[in-house]
């Protein structure tokens, strides 16, 4: 076989190997791309403006699917049987890194349900949605937690939802979004919600976790905490 023939054969083999490798990379990229796009679209304010609100709209099964669950033995008081099984549950929300846990029951199933409920509250407290104050209109979930004296609250909104209602987390998240947008100013937020400053302050103070979050924001802006 001549040298020219050998060189042509080597070039042909190299070309085929390069084409095969490029095809494999293309297939792999096409396979992974939809998964990456789906992950980015959930809770992304740049996609649909929903931000962290999307997480709270998920069913328990869907939200659990976004969490990593660990079990462990709870420490502390609780009886002689408490530490014999890994009944305590810790959840980590993968998209945001938010963590919630439950240790109080000897049933892992009950602790899992409690941890998931706390995860919803933690997401409401810690995950923010960006607002445009120039075009701002309070969402329904925020209107539902406002007292009836609000001048923008219509009668068809229904009765006021309190902190013990599971739907309160959505309204709390929307209120915190607004508080961040107005840099912690209760008076500015109250004007947008058709309330007096005192009425909005009482709403914020009605829930300990909401009060703590607002006060942390206000202190970061050099304002006095609400009491």
C-alpha atoms as a PDB file:
ATOM      1  CA  UNK A   1       0.000   0.000   0.000  1.00  0.00           C
ATOM      2  CA  UNK A   2       1.384   3.375  -1.014  1.00  0.00           C
ATOM      3  CA  UNK A   3       2.095   6.177   1.420  1.00  0.00           C
ATOM      4  CA  UNK A   4      -0.603   8.336  -0.238  1.00  0.00           C
ATOM      5  CA  UNK A   5      -3.208   5.591   0.226  1.00  0.00           C
ATOM      6  CA  UNK A   6      -2.299   5.187   3.906  1.00  0.00           C
ATOM      7  CA  UNK A   7      -2.591   8.939   4.477  1.00  0.00           C
ATOM      8  CA  UNK A   8      -6.006   9.078   2.761  1.00  0.00           C
ATOM      9  CA  UNK A   9      -7.270   6.156   4.913  1.00  0.00           C
ATOM     10  CA  UNK A  10      -6.039   7.782   8.113  1.00  0.00           C
ATOM     11  CA  UNK A  11      -7.700  11.072   7.161  1.00  0.00           C
ATOM     12  CA  UNK A  12     -11.018   9.304   6.440  1.00  0.00           C
ATOM     13  CA  UNK A  13     -10.958   7.427   9.794  1.00  0.00           C
ATOM     14  CA  UNK A  14     -10.119  10.623  11.691  1.00  0.00           C
ATOM     15  CA  UNK A  15     -12.992  12.449   9.951  1.00  0.00           C
ATOM     16  CA  UNK A  16     -15.473   9.706  10.880  1.00  0.00           C
ATOM     17  CA  UNK A  17     -14.334   9.684  14.508  1.00  0.00           C
ATOM     18  CA  UNK A  18     -14.680  13.479  14.720  1.00  0.00           C
ATOM     19  CA  UNK A  19     -18.175  13.370  13.182  1.00  0.00           C
ATOM     20  CA  UNK A  20     -19.244  10.598  15.576  1.00  0.00           C
ATOM     21  CA  UNK A  21     -17.952  12.481  18.630  1.00  0.00           C
ATOM     22  CA  UNK A  22     -19.654  15.690  17.503  1.00  0.00           C
ATOM     23  CA  UNK A  23     -22.937  13.828  16.985  1.00  0.00           C
ATOM     24  CA  UNK A  24     -22.745  12.325  20.480  1.00  0.00           C
ATOM     25  CA  UNK A  25     -22.082  15.758  22.011  1.00  0.00           C
ATOM     26  CA  UNK A  26     -25.029  17.194  20.079  1.00  0.00           C
ATOM     27  CA  UNK A  27     -27.368  14.411  21.270  1.00  0.00           C
ATOM     28  CA  UNK A  28     -26.178  14.808  24.863  1.00  0.00           C
ATOM     29  CA  UNK A  29     -26.697  18.587  24.732  1.00  0.00           C
ATOM     30  CA  UNK A  30     -30.181  18.197  23.231  1.00  0.00           C
ATOM     31  CA  UNK A  31     -31.076  15.673  25.945  1.00  0.00           C
ATOM     32  CA  UNK A  32     -29.907  17.869  28.825  1.00  0.00           C
ATOM     33  CA  UNK A  33     -31.146  21.216  27.560  1.00  0.00           C
ATOM     34  CA  UNK A  34     -34.888  20.712  28.304  1.00  0.00           C
ATOM     35  CA  UNK A  35     -34.052  19.604  31.872  1.00  0.00           C
ATOM     36  CA  UNK A  36     -31.959  22.736  32.435  1.00  0.00           C
ATOM     37  CA  UNK A  37     -34.637  24.977  30.917  1.00  0.00           C
ATOM     38  CA  UNK A  38     -37.331  23.387  33.076  1.00  0.00           C
ATOM     39  CA  UNK A  39     -35.232  23.903  36.195  1.00  0.00           C
ATOM     40  CA  UNK A  40     -34.633  27.568  35.379  1.00  0.00           C
ATOM     41  CA  UNK A  41     -38.274  28.278  34.604  1.00  0.00           C
ATOM     42  CA  UNK A  42     -39.581  27.251  38.029  1.00  0.00           C
ATOM     43  CA  UNK A  43     -39.782  30.313  40.267  1.00  0.00           C
ATOM     44  CA  UNK A  44     -37.740  32.502  37.957  1.00  0.00           C
ATOM     45  CA  UNK A  45     -38.915  36.106  38.082  1.00  0.00           C
ATOM     46  CA  UNK A  46     -37.292  36.725  34.714  1.00  0.00           C
ATOM     47  CA  UNK A  47     -39.581  34.181  33.059  1.00  0.00           C
ATOM     48  CA  UNK A  48     -43.067  35.073  34.241  1.00  0.00           C
ATOM     49  CA  UNK A  49     -42.808  37.435  37.200  1.00  0.00           C
ATOM     50  CA  UNK A  50     -43.961  34.718  39.560  1.00  0.00           C
ATOM     51  CA  UNK A  51     -40.674  34.301  41.390  1.00  0.00           C
ATOM     52  CA  UNK A  52     -40.921  32.471  44.711  1.00  0.00           C
ATOM     53  CA  UNK A  53     -44.722  32.624  44.519  1.00  0.00           C
ATOM     54  CA  UNK A  54     -44.588  29.657  42.136  1.00  0.00           C
ATOM     55  CA  UNK A  55     -43.154  27.422  44.842  1.00  0.00           C
ATOM     56  CA  UNK A  56     -46.066  28.119  47.184  1.00  0.00           C
ATOM     57  CA  UNK A  57     -48.557  27.303  44.432  1.00  0.00           C
ATOM     58  CA  UNK A  58     -47.190  23.770  44.076  1.00  0.00           C
ATOM     59  CA  UNK A  59     -49.016  20.776  45.519  1.00  0.00           C
ATOM     60  CA  UNK A  60     -47.394  18.955  48.448  1.00  0.00           C
ATOM     61  CA  UNK A  61     -46.220  16.220  46.089  1.00  0.00           C
ATOM     62  CA  UNK A  62     -44.719  18.709  43.638  1.00  0.00           C
ATOM     63  CA  UNK A  63     -42.988  20.706  46.364  1.00  0.00           C
ATOM     64  CA  UNK A  64     -41.655  17.520  47.939  1.00  0.00           C
ATOM     65  CA  UNK A  65     -40.241  16.608  44.538  1.00  0.00           C
ATOM     66  CA  UNK A  66     -38.069  19.733  44.707  1.00  0.00           C
ATOM     67  CA  UNK A  67     -36.729  18.823  48.142  1.00  0.00           C
ATOM     68  CA  UNK A  68     -33.952  16.602  49.400  1.00  0.00           C
ATOM     69  CA  UNK A  69     -34.981  14.707  52.541  1.00  0.00           C
ATOM     70  CA  UNK A  70     -32.735  13.487  55.345  1.00  0.00           C
ATOM     71  CA  UNK A  71     -33.777  11.550  58.425  1.00  0.00           C
ATOM     72  CA  UNK A  72     -31.948  11.578  61.735  1.00  0.00           C
ATOM     73  CA  UNK A  73     -32.330  10.777  65.407  1.00  0.00           C
ATOM     74  CA  UNK A  74     -33.693  13.716  67.351  1.00  0.00           C
ATOM     75  CA  UNK A  75     -31.858  14.740  70.497  1.00  0.00           C
ATOM     76  CA  UNK A  76     -33.290  16.178  73.688  1.00  0.00           C
ATOM     77  CA  UNK A  77     -36.341  15.285  75.784  1.00  0.00           C
ATOM     78  CA  UNK A  78     -39.167  13.198  74.441  1.00  0.00           C
ATOM     79  CA  UNK A  79     -39.273   9.851  76.145  1.00  0.00           C
ATOM     80  CA  UNK A  80     -37.238   6.681  76.102  1.00  0.00           C
ATOM     81  CA  UNK A  81     -38.300   5.703  72.578  1.00  0.00           C
ATOM     82  CA  UNK A  82     -37.562   8.994  70.860  1.00  0.00           C
ATOM     83  CA  UNK A  83     -33.978   8.294  69.752  1.00  0.00           C
ATOM     84  CA  UNK A  84     -34.356   4.621  68.812  1.00  0.00           C
ATOM     85  CA  UNK A  85     -35.461   5.400  65.245  1.00  0.00           C
ATOM     86  CA  UNK A  86     -34.488   8.076  62.743  1.00  0.00           C
ATOM     87  CA  UNK A  87     -37.910   9.707  62.820  1.00  0.00           C
ATOM     88  CA  UNK A  88     -36.796  13.348  62.619  1.00  0.00           C
ATOM     89  CA  UNK A  89     -36.989  14.862  59.124  1.00  0.00           C
ATOM     90  CA  UNK A  90     -34.955  17.631  57.515  1.00  0.00           C
ATOM     91  CA  UNK A  91     -35.905  19.015  54.097  1.00  0.00           C
ATOM     92  CA  UNK A  92     -33.707  21.097  51.816  1.00  0.00           C
ATOM     93  CA  UNK A  93     -35.382  22.927  48.929  1.00  0.00           C
ATOM     94  CA  UNK A  94     -32.893  22.386  46.117  1.00  0.00           C
ATOM     95  CA  UNK A  95     -33.732  25.449  43.946  1.00  0.00           C
ATOM     96  CA  UNK A  96     -33.373  27.924  46.844  1.00  0.00           C
ATOM     97  CA  UNK A  97     -31.342  26.147  49.542  1.00  0.00           C
ATOM     98  CA  UNK A  98     -34.053  26.843  52.155  1.00  0.00           C
ATOM     99  CA  UNK A  99     -34.118  24.266  54.996  1.00  0.00           C
ATOM    100  CA  UNK A 100     -36.979  23.179  57.260  1.00  0.00           C
ATOM    101  CA  UNK A 101     -37.184  20.335  59.753  1.00  0.00           C
ATOM    102  CA  UNK A 102     -39.469  18.611  62.238  1.00  0.00           C
ATOM    103  CA  UNK A 103     -38.378  16.498  65.205  1.00  0.00           C
ATOM    104  CA  UNK A 104     -41.270  16.561  67.652  1.00  0.00           C
ATOM    105  CA  UNK A 105     -43.078  13.348  66.711  1.00  0.00           C
ATOM    106  CA  UNK A 106     -41.981   9.723  66.867  1.00  0.00           C
ATOM    107  CA  UNK A 107     -43.694   9.191  63.517  1.00  0.00           C
ATOM    108  CA  UNK A 108     -41.473   9.945  60.538  1.00  0.00           C
ATOM    109  CA  UNK A 109     -44.605  10.386  58.406  1.00  0.00           C
ATOM    110  CA  UNK A 110     -45.992  13.099  60.696  1.00  0.00           C
ATOM    111  CA  UNK A 111     -42.622  14.838  60.925  1.00  0.00           C
ATOM    112  CA  UNK A 112     -42.387  14.820  57.140  1.00  0.00           C
ATOM    113  CA  UNK A 113     -45.777  16.544  56.856  1.00  0.00           C
ATOM    114  CA  UNK A 114     -44.809  19.100  59.516  1.00  0.00           C
ATOM    115  CA  UNK A 115     -41.467  19.813  57.831  1.00  0.00           C
ATOM    116  CA  UNK A 116     -43.185  20.345  54.486  1.00  0.00           C
ATOM    117  CA  UNK A 117     -45.681  22.793  56.024  1.00  0.00           C
ATOM    118  CA  UNK A 118     -42.759  24.671  57.603  1.00  0.00           C
ATOM    119  CA  UNK A 119     -40.991  24.676  54.258  1.00  0.00           C
ATOM    120  CA  UNK A 120     -43.911  26.613  52.762  1.00  0.00           C
ATOM    121  CA  UNK A 121     -43.634  29.179  55.548  1.00  0.00           C
ATOM    122  CA  UNK A 122     -39.866  29.456  55.146  1.00  0.00           C
ATOM    123  CA  UNK A 123     -40.179  29.953  51.383  1.00  0.00           C
ATOM    124  CA  UNK A 124     -42.729  32.707  52.009  1.00  0.00           C
ATOM    125  CA  UNK A 125     -40.337  34.376  54.439  1.00  0.00           C
ATOM    126  CA  UNK A 126     -37.082  33.990  52.544  1.00  0.00           C
ATOM    127  CA  UNK A 127     -37.830  33.969  48.793  1.00  0.00           C
ATOM    128  CA  UNK A 128     -38.701  37.339  47.284  1.00  0.00           C
ATOM    129  CA  UNK A 129     -40.489  38.429  44.111  1.00  0.00           C
ATOM    130  CA  UNK A 130     -39.406  41.653  42.425  1.00  0.00           C
ATOM    131  CA  UNK A 131     -42.075  44.369  42.203  1.00  0.00           C
ATOM    132  CA  UNK A 132     -42.531  47.421  39.997  1.00  0.00           C
ATOM    133  CA  UNK A 133     -44.099  50.017  42.289  1.00  0.00           C
ATOM    134  CA  UNK A 134     -45.143  52.250  39.376  1.00  0.00           C
ATOM    135  CA  UNK A 135     -47.580  49.616  38.115  1.00  0.00           C
ATOM    136  CA  UNK A 136     -48.189  47.841  41.428  1.00  0.00           C
ATOM    137  CA  UNK A 137     -51.550  46.266  42.196  1.00  0.00           C
ATOM    138  CA  UNK A 138     -51.827  44.091  45.335  1.00  0.00           C
ATOM    139  CA  UNK A 139     -52.452  40.439  44.409  1.00  0.00           C
ATOM    140  CA  UNK A 140     -55.529  38.620  45.690  1.00  0.00           C
ATOM    141  CA  UNK A 141     -53.564  36.641  48.289  1.00  0.00           C
ATOM    142  CA  UNK A 142     -52.398  39.898  49.881  1.00  0.00           C
ATOM    143  CA  UNK A 143     -55.868  41.437  49.828  1.00  0.00           C
ATOM    144  CA  UNK A 144     -57.168  38.343  51.633  1.00  0.00           C
ATOM    145  CA  UNK A 145     -54.981  38.925  54.698  1.00  0.00           C
ATOM    146  CA  UNK A 146     -55.784  42.647  54.935  1.00  0.00           C
ATOM    147  CA  UNK A 147     -58.353  43.844  57.488  1.00  0.00           C
ATOM    148  CA  UNK A 148     -61.757  44.864  56.137  1.00  0.00           C
ATOM    149  CA  UNK A 149     -61.000  48.537  56.825  1.00  0.00           C
ATOM    150  CA  UNK A 150     -58.634  48.603  53.842  1.00  0.00           C
ATOM    151  CA  UNK A 151     -60.011  51.019  51.246  1.00  0.00           C
ATOM    152  CA  UNK A 152     -58.853  48.827  48.346  1.00  0.00           C
ATOM    153  CA  UNK A 153     -60.331  45.601  49.705  1.00  0.00           C
ATOM    154  CA  UNK A 154     -63.550  44.754  47.863  1.00  0.00           C
ATOM    155  CA  UNK A 155     -66.383  42.801  49.478  1.00  0.00           C
ATOM    156  CA  UNK A 156     -65.936  39.843  47.098  1.00  0.00           C
ATOM    157  CA  UNK A 157     -62.439  39.182  48.489  1.00  0.00           C
ATOM    158  CA  UNK A 158     -64.096  37.303  51.350  1.00  0.00           C
ATOM    159  CA  UNK A 159     -63.313  37.113  55.062  1.00  0.00           C
ATOM    160  CA  UNK A 160     -59.877  38.066  56.312  1.00  0.00           C
ATOM    161  CA  UNK A 161     -57.401  35.169  56.398  1.00  0.00           C
ATOM    162  CA  UNK A 162     -55.422  34.934  59.647  1.00  0.00           C
ATOM    163  CA  UNK A 163     -52.015  33.424  60.521  1.00  0.00           C
ATOM    164  CA  UNK A 164     -53.542  30.040  61.405  1.00  0.00           C
ATOM    165  CA  UNK A 165     -54.868  29.580  57.877  1.00  0.00           C
ATOM    166  CA  UNK A 166     -52.501  27.679  55.505  1.00  0.00           C
ATOM    167  CA  UNK A 167     -53.233  30.290  52.804  1.00  0.00           C
ATOM    168  CA  UNK A 168     -51.733  33.011  55.003  1.00  0.00           C
ATOM    169  CA  UNK A 169     -48.229  32.124  53.738  1.00  0.00           C
ATOM    170  CA  UNK A 170     -49.042  33.377  50.233  1.00  0.00           C
ATOM    171  CA  UNK A 171     -50.346  36.692  51.565  1.00  0.00           C
ATOM    172  CA  UNK A 172     -47.394  36.998  53.929  1.00  0.00           C
ATOM    173  CA  UNK A 173     -44.969  36.490  51.060  1.00  0.00           C
ATOM    174  CA  UNK A 174     -46.734  39.171  48.989  1.00  0.00           C
ATOM    175  CA  UNK A 175     -46.637  41.603  51.924  1.00  0.00           C
ATOM    176  CA  UNK A 176     -42.924  40.994  52.464  1.00  0.00           C
ATOM    177  CA  UNK A 177     -42.301  41.549  48.751  1.00  0.00           C
ATOM    178  CA  UNK A 178     -43.973  44.946  49.109  1.00  0.00           C
ATOM    179  CA  UNK A 179     -42.058  45.793  52.292  1.00  0.00           C
ATOM    180  CA  UNK A 180     -38.774  45.075  50.526  1.00  0.00           C
ATOM    181  CA  UNK A 181     -39.841  47.187  47.546  1.00  0.00           C
ATOM    182  CA  UNK A 182     -40.561  50.201  49.820  1.00  0.00           C
ATOM    183  CA  UNK A 183     -37.332  49.643  51.793  1.00  0.00           C
ATOM    184  CA  UNK A 184     -39.101  48.707  55.021  1.00  0.00           C
ATOM    185  CA  UNK A 185     -41.344  51.783  55.206  1.00  0.00           C
ATOM    186  CA  UNK A 186     -44.623  50.788  56.857  1.00  0.00           C
ATOM    187  CA  UNK A 187     -46.214  54.126  55.991  1.00  0.00           C
ATOM    188  CA  UNK A 188     -45.384  53.781  52.281  1.00  0.00           C
ATOM    189  CA  UNK A 189     -46.700  50.216  52.180  1.00  0.00           C
ATOM    190  CA  UNK A 190     -49.838  51.238  54.088  1.00  0.00           C
ATOM    191  CA  UNK A 191     -50.669  53.889  51.472  1.00  0.00           C
ATOM    192  CA  UNK A 192     -50.491  51.307  48.695  1.00  0.00           C
ATOM    193  CA  UNK A 193     -52.749  48.957  50.672  1.00  0.00           C
ATOM    194  CA  UNK A 194     -55.370  51.507  51.668  1.00  0.00           C
ATOM    195  CA  UNK A 195     -54.574  51.206  55.375  1.00  0.00           C
ATOM    196  CA  UNK A 196     -53.406  53.443  58.153  1.00  0.00           C
ATOM    197  CA  UNK A 197     -49.847  52.925  59.355  1.00  0.00           C
ATOM    198  CA  UNK A 198     -51.188  51.621  62.663  1.00  0.00           C
ATOM    199  CA  UNK A 199     -53.476  49.077  60.991  1.00  0.00           C
ATOM    200  CA  UNK A 200     -50.650  47.663  58.860  1.00  0.00           C
ATOM    201  CA  UNK A 201     -48.341  47.566  61.889  1.00  0.00           C
ATOM    202  CA  UNK A 202     -50.934  45.517  63.797  1.00  0.00           C
ATOM    203  CA  UNK A 203     -51.201  43.089  60.871  1.00  0.00           C
ATOM    204  CA  UNK A 204     -47.430  42.628  60.793  1.00  0.00           C
ATOM    205  CA  UNK A 205     -47.284  42.122  64.563  1.00  0.00           C
ATOM    206  CA  UNK A 206     -50.059  39.498  64.434  1.00  0.00           C
ATOM    207  CA  UNK A 207     -47.576  36.850  63.251  1.00  0.00           C
ATOM    208  CA  UNK A 208     -44.230  36.335  64.995  1.00  0.00           C
ATOM    209  CA  UNK A 209     -42.330  35.142  61.923  1.00  0.00           C
ATOM    210  CA  UNK A 210     -43.673  38.025  59.810  1.00  0.00           C
ATOM    211  CA  UNK A 211     -42.777  40.517  62.557  1.00  0.00           C
ATOM    212  CA  UNK A 212     -39.220  39.166  62.814  1.00  0.00           C
ATOM    213  CA  UNK A 213     -38.687  39.323  59.067  1.00  0.00           C
ATOM    214  CA  UNK A 214     -40.001  42.890  58.776  1.00  0.00           C
ATOM    215  CA  UNK A 215     -37.932  44.026  61.761  1.00  0.00           C
ATOM    216  CA  UNK A 216     -34.778  42.496  60.309  1.00  0.00           C
ATOM    217  CA  UNK A 217     -35.449  44.417  57.104  1.00  0.00           C
ATOM    218  CA  UNK A 218     -36.115  47.665  58.957  1.00  0.00           C
ATOM    219  CA  UNK A 219     -33.009  47.320  61.110  1.00  0.00           C
ATOM    220  CA  UNK A 220     -30.915  46.732  57.975  1.00  0.00           C
ATOM    221  CA  UNK A 221     -32.219  50.076  56.696  1.00  0.00           C
ATOM    222  CA  UNK A 222     -31.454  51.877  59.959  1.00  0.00           C
ATOM    223  CA  UNK A 223     -35.110  51.976  61.096  1.00  0.00           C
ATOM    224  CA  UNK A 224     -36.540  51.149  64.489  1.00  0.00           C
ATOM    225  CA  UNK A 225     -38.198  47.745  64.856  1.00  0.00           C
ATOM    226  CA  UNK A 226     -41.957  47.432  65.238  1.00  0.00           C
ATOM    227  CA  UNK A 227     -43.172  46.551  68.725  1.00  0.00           C
END
